Amino acid sequence: MANPLRYLKHVVTLAIDDARCTGCGQCREVCPHGVLSICNGKADIADLDACMECGACSRNCPFEAITVSAGVGCATAVIRGFLRGGPPDCSCSSDQGCCC
């Protein structure tokens, strides 16, 4: 079942290098939102828009098969919005090439 939480759609930096992935499942175990699954013996992104870019999967992958720019996208925007009492906000305009 997909995670009902959503942050900002289509901005997540999460990526998996299939050549490095062994399907150990460590990334799936540490992901707080169930973003990752194991499919055909490899890690797979099951729910990209549920990723908050915390970086747990990347930091815990023993084969360096996962990359994510932790804290630069959705999670930062959500936290900034919460602190300001509003919606997710990356504090830049889209013409500046920002996170959202």
PDB file of N, CA and C in Angstrom:
ATOM      1  N   MET A   1       0.834  -1.183   0.000  1.00  0.00           N
ATOM      2  CA  MET A   1       0.000   0.000   0.000  1.00  0.00           C
ATOM      3  C   MET A   1       0.879   1.246   0.000  1.00  0.00           C
ATOM      4  N   ALA A   2       0.557   2.187  -0.825  1.00  0.00           N
ATOM      5  CA  ALA A   2       1.334   3.418  -0.939  1.00  0.00           C
ATOM      6  C   ALA A   2       1.151   4.288   0.302  1.00  0.00           C
ATOM      7  N   ASN A   3       2.172   5.024   0.627  1.00  0.00           N
ATOM      8  CA  ASN A   3       2.137   5.943   1.753  1.00  0.00           C
ATOM      9  C   ASN A   3       1.236   7.119   1.389  1.00  0.00           C
ATOM     10  N   PRO A   4       0.280   7.494   2.255  1.00  0.00           N
ATOM     11  CA  PRO A   4      -0.616   8.598   1.933  1.00  0.00           C
ATOM     12  C   PRO A   4       0.038   9.973   2.047  1.00  0.00           C
ATOM     13  N   LEU A   5       1.203  10.056   2.676  1.00  0.00           N
ATOM     14  CA  LEU A   5       1.877  11.349   2.827  1.00  0.00           C
ATOM     15  C   LEU A   5       2.499  11.780   1.514  1.00  0.00           C
ATOM     16  N   ARG A   6       2.335  13.034   1.166  1.00  0.00           N
ATOM     17  CA  ARG A   6       2.936  13.600  -0.031  1.00  0.00           C
ATOM     18  C   ARG A   6       3.545  14.942   0.337  1.00  0.00           C
ATOM     19  N   TYR A   7       4.618  15.279  -0.294  1.00  0.00           N
ATOM     20  CA  TYR A   7       5.280  16.543  -0.026  1.00  0.00           C
ATOM     21  C   TYR A   7       5.150  17.407  -1.269  1.00  0.00           C
ATOM     22  N   LEU A   8       6.153  17.510  -2.046  1.00  0.00           N
ATOM     23  CA  LEU A   8       6.089  18.231  -3.315  1.00  0.00           C
ATOM     24  C   LEU A   8       6.278  17.202  -4.417  1.00  0.00           C
ATOM     25  N   LYS A   9       5.381  17.153  -5.363  1.00  0.00           N
ATOM     26  CA  LYS A   9       5.441  16.118  -6.394  1.00  0.00           C
ATOM     27  C   LYS A   9       6.558  16.355  -7.405  1.00  0.00           C
ATOM     28  N   HIS A  10       7.176  15.268  -7.807  1.00  0.00           N
ATOM     29  CA  HIS A  10       8.151  15.224  -8.897  1.00  0.00           C
ATOM     30  C   HIS A  10       9.412  16.060  -8.662  1.00  0.00           C
ATOM     31  N   VAL A  11       9.855  16.197  -7.425  1.00  0.00           N
ATOM     32  CA  VAL A  11      11.076  16.960  -7.162  1.00  0.00           C
ATOM     33  C   VAL A  11      12.152  16.160  -6.438  1.00  0.00           C
ATOM     34  N   VAL A  12      11.844  14.946  -6.051  1.00  0.00           N
ATOM     35  CA  VAL A  12      12.757  14.142  -5.241  1.00  0.00           C
ATOM     36  C   VAL A  12      14.013  13.767  -6.028  1.00  0.00           C
ATOM     37  N   THR A  13      15.156  13.812  -5.357  1.00  0.00           N
ATOM     38  CA  THR A  13      16.443  13.521  -5.991  1.00  0.00           C
ATOM     39  C   THR A  13      16.875  12.065  -5.838  1.00  0.00           C
ATOM     40  N   LEU A  14      16.040  11.222  -5.282  1.00  0.00           N
ATOM     41  CA  LEU A  14      16.355   9.817  -5.031  1.00  0.00           C
ATOM     42  C   LEU A  14      16.623   9.054  -6.331  1.00  0.00           C
ATOM     43  N   ALA A  15      17.720   8.289  -6.349  1.00  0.00           N
ATOM     44  CA  ALA A  15      18.057   7.466  -7.520  1.00  0.00           C
ATOM     45  C   ALA A  15      18.766   6.197  -7.059  1.00  0.00           C
ATOM     46  N   ILE A  16      18.578   5.127  -7.824  1.00  0.00           N
ATOM     47  CA  ILE A  16      19.214   3.841  -7.521  1.00  0.00           C
ATOM     48  C   ILE A  16      20.079   3.419  -8.695  1.00  0.00           C
ATOM     49  N   ASP A  17      21.315   3.015  -8.394  1.00  0.00           N
ATOM     50  CA  ASP A  17      22.231   2.487  -9.403  1.00  0.00           C
ATOM     51  C   ASP A  17      22.070   0.971  -9.415  1.00  0.00           C
ATOM     52  N   ASP A  18      21.336   0.455 -10.400  1.00  0.00           N
ATOM     53  CA  ASP A  18      21.059  -0.982 -10.468  1.00  0.00           C
ATOM     54  C   ASP A  18      22.324  -1.830 -10.539  1.00  0.00           C
ATOM     55  N   ALA A  19      23.370  -1.306 -11.131  1.00  0.00           N
ATOM     56  CA  ALA A  19      24.613  -2.070 -11.258  1.00  0.00           C
ATOM     57  C   ALA A  19      25.268  -2.305  -9.896  1.00  0.00           C
ATOM     58  N   ARG A  20      25.077  -1.392  -8.956  1.00  0.00           N
ATOM     59  CA  ARG A  20      25.674  -1.530  -7.623  1.00  0.00           C
ATOM     60  C   ARG A  20      24.763  -2.250  -6.639  1.00  0.00           C
ATOM     61  N   CYS A  21      23.456  -2.200  -6.871  1.00  0.00           N
ATOM     62  CA  CYS A  21      22.488  -2.761  -5.937  1.00  0.00           C
ATOM     63  C   CYS A  21      22.546  -4.282  -5.924  1.00  0.00           C
ATOM     64  N   THR A  22      22.583  -4.851  -4.701  1.00  0.00           N
ATOM     65  CA  THR A  22      22.585  -6.309  -4.548  1.00  0.00           C
ATOM     66  C   THR A  22      21.241  -6.824  -4.035  1.00  0.00           C
ATOM     67  N   GLY A  23      20.320  -5.921  -3.746  1.00  0.00           N
ATOM     68  CA  GLY A  23      19.022  -6.324  -3.240  1.00  0.00           C
ATOM     69  C   GLY A  23      19.037  -6.739  -1.785  1.00  0.00           C
ATOM     70  N   CYS A  24      19.993  -6.248  -1.010  1.00  0.00           N
ATOM     71  CA  CYS A  24      20.121  -6.654   0.397  1.00  0.00           C
ATOM     72  C   CYS A  24      18.924  -6.225   1.247  1.00  0.00           C
ATOM     73  N   GLY A  25      18.231  -5.161   0.847  1.00  0.00           N
ATOM     74  CA  GLY A  25      17.047  -4.712   1.562  1.00  0.00           C
ATOM     75  C   GLY A  25      17.288  -3.730   2.688  1.00  0.00           C
ATOM     76  N   GLN A  26      18.532  -3.377   2.931  1.00  0.00           N
ATOM     77  CA  GLN A  26      18.833  -2.439   4.016  1.00  0.00           C
ATOM     78  C   GLN A  26      18.107  -1.107   3.801  1.00  0.00           C
ATOM     79  N   CYS A  27      18.051  -0.628   2.583  1.00  0.00           N
ATOM     80  CA  CYS A  27      17.384   0.644   2.295  1.00  0.00           C
ATOM     81  C   CYS A  27      15.899   0.578   2.641  1.00  0.00           C
ATOM     82  N   ARG A  28      15.281  -0.517   2.317  1.00  0.00           N
ATOM     83  CA  ARG A  28      13.858  -0.709   2.605  1.00  0.00           C
ATOM     84  C   ARG A  28      13.608  -0.718   4.105  1.00  0.00           C
ATOM     85  N   GLU A  29      14.520  -1.322   4.848  1.00  0.00           N
ATOM     86  CA  GLU A  29      14.373  -1.406   6.303  1.00  0.00           C
ATOM     87  C   GLU A  29      14.452  -0.049   6.987  1.00  0.00           C
ATOM     88  N   VAL A  30      15.298   0.844   6.493  1.00  0.00           N
ATOM     89  CA  VAL A  30      15.512   2.120   7.179  1.00  0.00           C
ATOM     90  C   VAL A  30      14.629   3.253   6.669  1.00  0.00           C
ATOM     91  N   CYS A  31      13.955   3.060   5.560  1.00  0.00           N
ATOM     92  CA  CYS A  31      13.112   4.126   4.993  1.00  0.00           C
ATOM     93  C   CYS A  31      11.878   4.333   5.870  1.00  0.00           C
ATOM     94  N   PRO A  32      11.697   5.546   6.418  1.00  0.00           N
ATOM     95  CA  PRO A  32      10.569   5.780   7.319  1.00  0.00           C
ATOM     96  C   PRO A  32       9.215   5.866   6.622  1.00  0.00           C
ATOM     97  N   HIS A  33       9.201   6.000   5.302  1.00  0.00           N
ATOM     98  CA  HIS A  33       7.931   6.163   4.590  1.00  0.00           C
ATOM     99  C   HIS A  33       7.634   5.071   3.581  1.00  0.00           C
ATOM    100  N   GLY A  34       8.371   3.994   3.611  1.00  0.00           N
ATOM    101  CA  GLY A  34       8.082   2.880   2.711  1.00  0.00           C
ATOM    102  C   GLY A  34       8.232   3.220   1.241  1.00  0.00           C
ATOM    103  N   VAL A  35       9.180   4.065   0.927  1.00  0.00           N
ATOM    104  CA  VAL A  35       9.401   4.507  -0.449  1.00  0.00           C
ATOM    105  C   VAL A  35      10.003   3.390  -1.300  1.00  0.00           C
ATOM    106  N   LEU A  36      10.815   2.551  -0.673  1.00  0.00           N
ATOM    107  CA  LEU A  36      11.561   1.540  -1.415  1.00  0.00           C
ATOM    108  C   LEU A  36      11.007   0.142  -1.210  1.00  0.00           C
ATOM    109  N   SER A  37      11.190  -0.690  -2.210  1.00  0.00           N
ATOM    110  CA  SER A  37      10.817  -2.099  -2.131  1.00  0.00           C
ATOM    111  C   SER A  37      11.924  -2.905  -2.805  1.00  0.00           C
ATOM    112  N   ILE A  38      11.835  -4.210  -2.697  1.00  0.00           N
ATOM    113  CA  ILE A  38      12.767  -5.087  -3.400  1.00  0.00           C
ATOM    114  C   ILE A  38      11.960  -5.808  -4.479  1.00  0.00           C
ATOM    115  N   CYS A  39      12.404  -5.668  -5.704  1.00  0.00           N
ATOM    116  CA  CYS A  39      11.694  -6.251  -6.835  1.00  0.00           C
ATOM    117  C   CYS A  39      12.717  -6.926  -7.751  1.00  0.00           C
ATOM    118  N   ASN A  40      12.493  -8.198  -8.032  1.00  0.00           N
ATOM    119  CA  ASN A  40      13.418  -8.953  -8.889  1.00  0.00           C
ATOM    120  C   ASN A  40      14.857  -8.896  -8.385  1.00  0.00           C
ATOM    121  N   GLY A  41      15.023  -8.949  -7.064  1.00  0.00           N
ATOM    122  CA  GLY A  41      16.349  -8.987  -6.469  1.00  0.00           C
ATOM    123  C   GLY A  41      17.098  -7.671  -6.436  1.00  0.00           C
ATOM    124  N   LYS A  42      16.397  -6.559  -6.655  1.00  0.00           N
ATOM    125  CA  LYS A  42      17.025  -5.231  -6.638  1.00  0.00           C
ATOM    126  C   LYS A  42      16.115  -4.254  -5.907  1.00  0.00           C
ATOM    127  N   ALA A  43      16.703  -3.197  -5.364  1.00  0.00           N
ATOM    128  CA  ALA A  43      15.903  -2.132  -4.764  1.00  0.00           C
ATOM    129  C   ALA A  43      15.131  -1.430  -5.870  1.00  0.00           C
ATOM    130  N   ASP A  44      13.928  -1.008  -5.523  1.00  0.00           N
ATOM    131  CA  ASP A  44      13.055  -0.344  -6.484  1.00  0.00           C
ATOM    132  C   ASP A  44      12.349   0.806  -5.775  1.00  0.00           C
ATOM    133  N   ILE A  45      12.137   1.891  -6.479  1.00  0.00           N
ATOM    134  CA  ILE A  45      11.421   3.026  -5.916  1.00  0.00           C
ATOM    135  C   ILE A  45       9.934   2.770  -6.114  1.00  0.00           C
ATOM    136  N   ALA A  46       9.256   2.439  -5.020  1.00  0.00           N
ATOM    137  CA  ALA A  46       7.847   2.078  -5.086  1.00  0.00           C
ATOM    138  C   ALA A  46       6.926   3.291  -5.011  1.00  0.00           C
ATOM    139  N   ASP A  47       7.374   4.361  -4.343  1.00  0.00           N
ATOM    140  CA  ASP A  47       6.505   5.522  -4.123  1.00  0.00           C
ATOM    141  C   ASP A  47       7.358   6.784  -4.018  1.00  0.00           C
ATOM    142  N   LEU A  48       7.859   7.258  -5.133  1.00  0.00           N
ATOM    143  CA  LEU A  48       8.811   8.368  -5.166  1.00  0.00           C
ATOM    144  C   LEU A  48       8.304   9.613  -4.451  1.00  0.00           C
ATOM    145  N   ASP A  49       7.064   9.990  -4.668  1.00  0.00           N
ATOM    146  CA  ASP A  49       6.557  11.228  -4.079  1.00  0.00           C
ATOM    147  C   ASP A  49       6.348  11.151  -2.571  1.00  0.00           C
ATOM    148  N   ALA A  50       6.503   9.966  -1.973  1.00  0.00           N
ATOM    149  CA  ALA A  50       6.432   9.843  -0.517  1.00  0.00           C
ATOM    150  C   ALA A  50       7.800  10.088   0.129  1.00  0.00           C
ATOM    151  N   CYS A  51       8.848  10.182  -0.679  1.00  0.00           N
ATOM    152  CA  CYS A  51      10.200  10.399  -0.166  1.00  0.00           C
ATOM    153  C   CYS A  51      10.343  11.814   0.380  1.00  0.00           C
ATOM    154  N   MET A  52      10.891  11.914   1.597  1.00  0.00           N
ATOM    155  CA  MET A  52      11.134  13.223   2.194  1.00  0.00           C
ATOM    156  C   MET A  52      12.618  13.582   2.168  1.00  0.00           C
ATOM    157  N   GLU A  53      13.399  12.811   1.427  1.00  0.00           N
ATOM    158  CA  GLU A  53      14.830  13.061   1.238  1.00  0.00           C
ATOM    159  C   GLU A  53      15.598  13.135   2.549  1.00  0.00           C
ATOM    160  N   CYS A  54      15.274  12.247   3.478  1.00  0.00           N
ATOM    161  CA  CYS A  54      15.984  12.232   4.763  1.00  0.00           C
ATOM    162  C   CYS A  54      17.400  11.681   4.618  1.00  0.00           C
ATOM    163  N   GLY A  55      17.631  10.838   3.613  1.00  0.00           N
ATOM    164  CA  GLY A  55      18.954  10.297   3.354  1.00  0.00           C
ATOM    165  C   GLY A  55      19.259   8.993   4.068  1.00  0.00           C
ATOM    166  N   ALA A  56      18.308   8.450   4.824  1.00  0.00           N
ATOM    167  CA  ALA A  56      18.563   7.208   5.566  1.00  0.00           C
ATOM    168  C   ALA A  56      18.943   6.068   4.623  1.00  0.00           C
ATOM    169  N   CYS A  57      18.281   5.946   3.505  1.00  0.00           N
ATOM    170  CA  CYS A  57      18.570   4.853   2.563  1.00  0.00           C
ATOM    171  C   CYS A  57      19.986   4.962   2.012  1.00  0.00           C
ATOM    172  N   SER A  58      20.358   6.157   1.624  1.00  0.00           N
ATOM    173  CA  SER A  58      21.680   6.379   1.051  1.00  0.00           C
ATOM    174  C   SER A  58      22.788   6.134   2.075  1.00  0.00           C
ATOM    175  N   ARG A  59      22.620   6.646   3.263  1.00  0.00           N
ATOM    176  CA  ARG A  59      23.636   6.486   4.313  1.00  0.00           C
ATOM    177  C   ARG A  59      23.787   5.043   4.762  1.00  0.00           C
ATOM    178  N   ASN A  60      22.736   4.250   4.624  1.00  0.00           N
ATOM    179  CA  ASN A  60      22.779   2.872   5.094  1.00  0.00           C
ATOM    180  C   ASN A  60      23.006   1.844   4.002  1.00  0.00           C
ATOM    181  N   CYS A  61      23.146   2.258   2.767  1.00  0.00           N
ATOM    182  CA  CYS A  61      23.395   1.319   1.681  1.00  0.00           C
ATOM    183  C   CYS A  61      24.877   0.915   1.694  1.00  0.00           C
ATOM    184  N   PRO A  62      25.171  -0.359   1.987  1.00  0.00           N
ATOM    185  CA  PRO A  62      26.570  -0.784   2.063  1.00  0.00           C
ATOM    186  C   PRO A  62      27.270  -0.827   0.706  1.00  0.00           C
ATOM    187  N   PHE A  63      26.516  -0.693  -0.374  1.00  0.00           N
ATOM    188  CA  PHE A  63      27.101  -0.780  -1.713  1.00  0.00           C
ATOM    189  C   PHE A  63      27.078   0.551  -2.455  1.00  0.00           C
ATOM    190  N   GLU A  64      26.674   1.622  -1.760  1.00  0.00           N
ATOM    191  CA  GLU A  64      26.607   2.966  -2.336  1.00  0.00           C
ATOM    192  C   GLU A  64      25.792   2.980  -3.622  1.00  0.00           C
ATOM    193  N   ALA A  65      24.687   2.240  -3.617  1.00  0.00           N
ATOM    194  CA  ALA A  65      23.836   2.141  -4.802  1.00  0.00           C
ATOM    195  C   ALA A  65      22.738   3.203  -4.834  1.00  0.00           C
ATOM    196  N   ILE A  66      22.547   3.904  -3.723  1.00  0.00           N
ATOM    197  CA  ILE A  66      21.460   4.876  -3.640  1.00  0.00           C
ATOM    198  C   ILE A  66      22.029   6.268  -3.418  1.00  0.00           C
ATOM    199  N   THR A  67      21.506   7.209  -4.179  1.00  0.00           N
ATOM    200  CA  THR A  67      21.886   8.607  -3.993  1.00  0.00           C
ATOM    201  C   THR A  67      20.628   9.432  -3.747  1.00  0.00           C
ATOM    202  N   VAL A  68      20.758  10.399  -2.890  1.00  0.00           N
ATOM    203  CA  VAL A  68      19.696  11.362  -2.618  1.00  0.00           C
ATOM    204  C   VAL A  68      20.353  12.578  -1.992  1.00  0.00           C
ATOM    205  N   SER A  69      19.943  13.739  -2.427  1.00  0.00           N
ATOM    206  CA  SER A  69      20.487  14.969  -1.850  1.00  0.00           C
ATOM    207  C   SER A  69      19.677  15.290  -0.610  1.00  0.00           C
ATOM    208  N   ALA A  70      20.071  14.700   0.498  1.00  0.00           N
ATOM    209  CA  ALA A  70      19.333  14.830   1.749  1.00  0.00           C
ATOM    210  C   ALA A  70      19.218  16.281   2.185  1.00  0.00           C
ATOM    211  N   GLY A  71      17.991  16.670   2.485  1.00  0.00           N
ATOM    212  CA  GLY A  71      17.738  17.997   3.032  1.00  0.00           C
ATOM    213  C   GLY A  71      17.661  19.126   2.043  1.00  0.00           C
ATOM    214  N   VAL A  72      17.725  18.865   0.755  1.00  0.00           N
ATOM    215  CA  VAL A  72      17.700  19.976  -0.188  1.00  0.00           C
ATOM    216  C   VAL A  72      16.376  20.132  -0.911  1.00  0.00           C
ATOM    217  N   GLY A  73      15.512  19.170  -0.783  1.00  0.00           N
ATOM    218  CA  GLY A  73      14.264  19.231  -1.536  1.00  0.00           C
ATOM    219  C   GLY A  73      13.050  19.266  -0.646  1.00  0.00           C
ATOM    220  N   CYS A  74      12.266  18.236  -0.744  1.00  0.00           N
ATOM    221  CA  CYS A  74      10.968  18.186  -0.078  1.00  0.00           C
ATOM    222  C   CYS A  74      11.038  18.395   1.420  1.00  0.00           C
ATOM    223  N   ALA A  75      11.932  17.693   2.096  1.00  0.00           N
ATOM    224  CA  ALA A  75      11.970  17.787   3.560  1.00  0.00           C
ATOM    225  C   ALA A  75      12.245  19.214   4.000  1.00  0.00           C
ATOM    226  N   THR A  76      13.176  19.882   3.355  1.00  0.00           N
ATOM    227  CA  THR A  76      13.492  21.253   3.710  1.00  0.00           C
ATOM    228  C   THR A  76      12.302  22.164   3.467  1.00  0.00           C
ATOM    229  N   ALA A  77      11.630  21.986   2.350  1.00  0.00           N
ATOM    230  CA  ALA A  77      10.466  22.814   2.034  1.00  0.00           C
ATOM    231  C   ALA A  77       9.342  22.599   3.041  1.00  0.00           C
ATOM    232  N   VAL A  78       9.098  21.358   3.416  1.00  0.00           N
ATOM    233  CA  VAL A  78       8.037  21.049   4.375  1.00  0.00           C
ATOM    234  C   VAL A  78       8.363  21.657   5.737  1.00  0.00           C
ATOM    235  N   ILE A  79       9.595  21.490   6.189  1.00  0.00           N
ATOM    236  CA  ILE A  79       9.993  22.037   7.488  1.00  0.00           C
ATOM    237  C   ILE A  79       9.887  23.558   7.480  1.00  0.00           C
ATOM    238  N   ARG A  80      10.367  24.198   6.418  1.00  0.00           N
ATOM    239  CA  ARG A  80      10.303  25.662   6.332  1.00  0.00           C
ATOM    240  C   ARG A  80       8.848  26.135   6.345  1.00  0.00           C
ATOM    241  N   GLY A  81       7.978  25.460   5.629  1.00  0.00           N
ATOM    242  CA  GLY A  81       6.562  25.811   5.623  1.00  0.00           C
ATOM    243  C   GLY A  81       5.939  25.659   7.003  1.00  0.00           C
ATOM    244  N   PHE A  82       6.266  24.553   7.669  1.00  0.00           N
ATOM    245  CA  PHE A  82       5.741  24.311   9.018  1.00  0.00           C
ATOM    246  C   PHE A  82       6.181  25.410   9.983  1.00  0.00           C
ATOM    247  N   LEU A  83       7.461  25.758   9.929  1.00  0.00           N
ATOM    248  CA  LEU A  83       7.980  26.779  10.835  1.00  0.00           C
ATOM    249  C   LEU A  83       7.354  28.145  10.587  1.00  0.00           C
ATOM    250  N   ARG A  84       6.987  28.392   9.343  1.00  0.00           N
ATOM    251  CA  ARG A  84       6.358  29.669   8.989  1.00  0.00           C
ATOM    252  C   ARG A  84       4.837  29.612   9.070  1.00  0.00           C
ATOM    253  N   GLY A  85       4.309  28.432   9.399  1.00  0.00           N
ATOM    254  CA  GLY A  85       2.862  28.289   9.533  1.00  0.00           C
ATOM    255  C   GLY A  85       2.118  28.258   8.216  1.00  0.00           C
ATOM    256  N   GLY A  86       2.773  27.771   7.171  1.00  0.00           N
ATOM    257  CA  GLY A  86       2.128  27.734   5.861  1.00  0.00           C
ATOM    258  C   GLY A  86       2.424  26.459   5.108  1.00  0.00           C
ATOM    259  N   PRO A  87       2.199  26.467   3.810  1.00  0.00           N
ATOM    260  CA  PRO A  87       2.449  25.291   2.979  1.00  0.00           C
ATOM    261  C   PRO A  87       3.955  25.096   2.737  1.00  0.00           C
ATOM    262  N   PRO A  88       4.355  23.955   2.181  1.00  0.00           N
ATOM    263  CA  PRO A  88       5.769  23.745   1.853  1.00  0.00           C
ATOM    264  C   PRO A  88       6.318  24.906   1.026  1.00  0.00           C
ATOM    265  N   ASP A  89       7.528  25.339   1.365  1.00  0.00           N
ATOM    266  CA  ASP A  89       8.105  26.519   0.728  1.00  0.00           C
ATOM    267  C   ASP A  89       9.620  26.366   0.638  1.00  0.00           C
ATOM    268  N   CYS A  90      10.139  26.394  -0.582  1.00  0.00           N
ATOM    269  CA  CYS A  90      11.594  26.298  -0.728  1.00  0.00           C
ATOM    270  C   CYS A  90      12.243  27.672  -0.793  1.00  0.00           C
ATOM    271  N   SER A  91      11.455  28.726  -0.616  1.00  0.00           N
ATOM    272  CA  SER A  91      11.947  30.107  -0.545  1.00  0.00           C
ATOM    273  C   SER A  91      12.708  30.569  -1.772  1.00  0.00           C
ATOM    274  N   CYS A  92      12.277  30.126  -2.906  1.00  0.00           N
ATOM    275  CA  CYS A  92      12.863  30.635  -4.143  1.00  0.00           C
ATOM    276  C   CYS A  92      11.811  30.552  -5.237  1.00  0.00           C
ATOM    277  N   SER A  93      12.041  31.219  -6.312  1.00  0.00           N
ATOM    278  CA  SER A  93      11.090  31.153  -7.418  1.00  0.00           C
ATOM    279  C   SER A  93      11.552  30.109  -8.419  1.00  0.00           C
ATOM    280  N   SER A  94      10.630  29.549  -9.162  1.00  0.00           N
ATOM    281  CA  SER A  94      10.967  28.467 -10.089  1.00  0.00           C
ATOM    282  C   SER A  94      11.908  28.925 -11.197  1.00  0.00           C
ATOM    283  N   ASP A  95      11.970  30.205 -11.489  1.00  0.00           N
ATOM    284  CA  ASP A  95      12.881  30.670 -12.530  1.00  0.00           C
ATOM    285  C   ASP A  95      14.334  30.693 -12.060  1.00  0.00           C
ATOM    286  N   GLN A  96      14.558  30.433 -10.764  1.00  0.00           N
ATOM    287  CA  GLN A  96      15.918  30.362 -10.232  1.00  0.00           C
ATOM    288  C   GLN A  96      16.442  28.932 -10.214  1.00  0.00           C
ATOM    289  N   GLY A  97      15.638  27.994 -10.723  1.00  0.00           N
ATOM    290  CA  GLY A  97      16.071  26.606 -10.750  1.00  0.00           C
ATOM    291  C   GLY A  97      16.117  25.960  -9.377  1.00  0.00           C
ATOM    292  N   CYS A  98      15.165  26.297  -8.541  1.00  0.00           N
ATOM    293  CA  CYS A  98      15.198  25.798  -7.171  1.00  0.00           C
ATOM    294  C   CYS A  98      14.660  24.385  -7.056  1.00  0.00           C
ATOM    295  N   CYS A  99      14.563  23.931  -5.821  1.00  0.00           N
ATOM    296  CA  CYS A  99      14.151  22.575  -5.524  1.00  0.00           C
ATOM    297  C   CYS A  99      12.736  22.266  -5.945  1.00  0.00           C
ATOM    298  N   CYS A 100      11.859  23.240  -5.998  1.00  0.00           N
ATOM    299  CA  CYS A 100      10.463  22.959  -6.330  1.00  0.00           C
ATOM    300  C   CYS A 100      10.007  23.868  -7.430  1.00  0.00           C
TER     301      CYS A 100
END
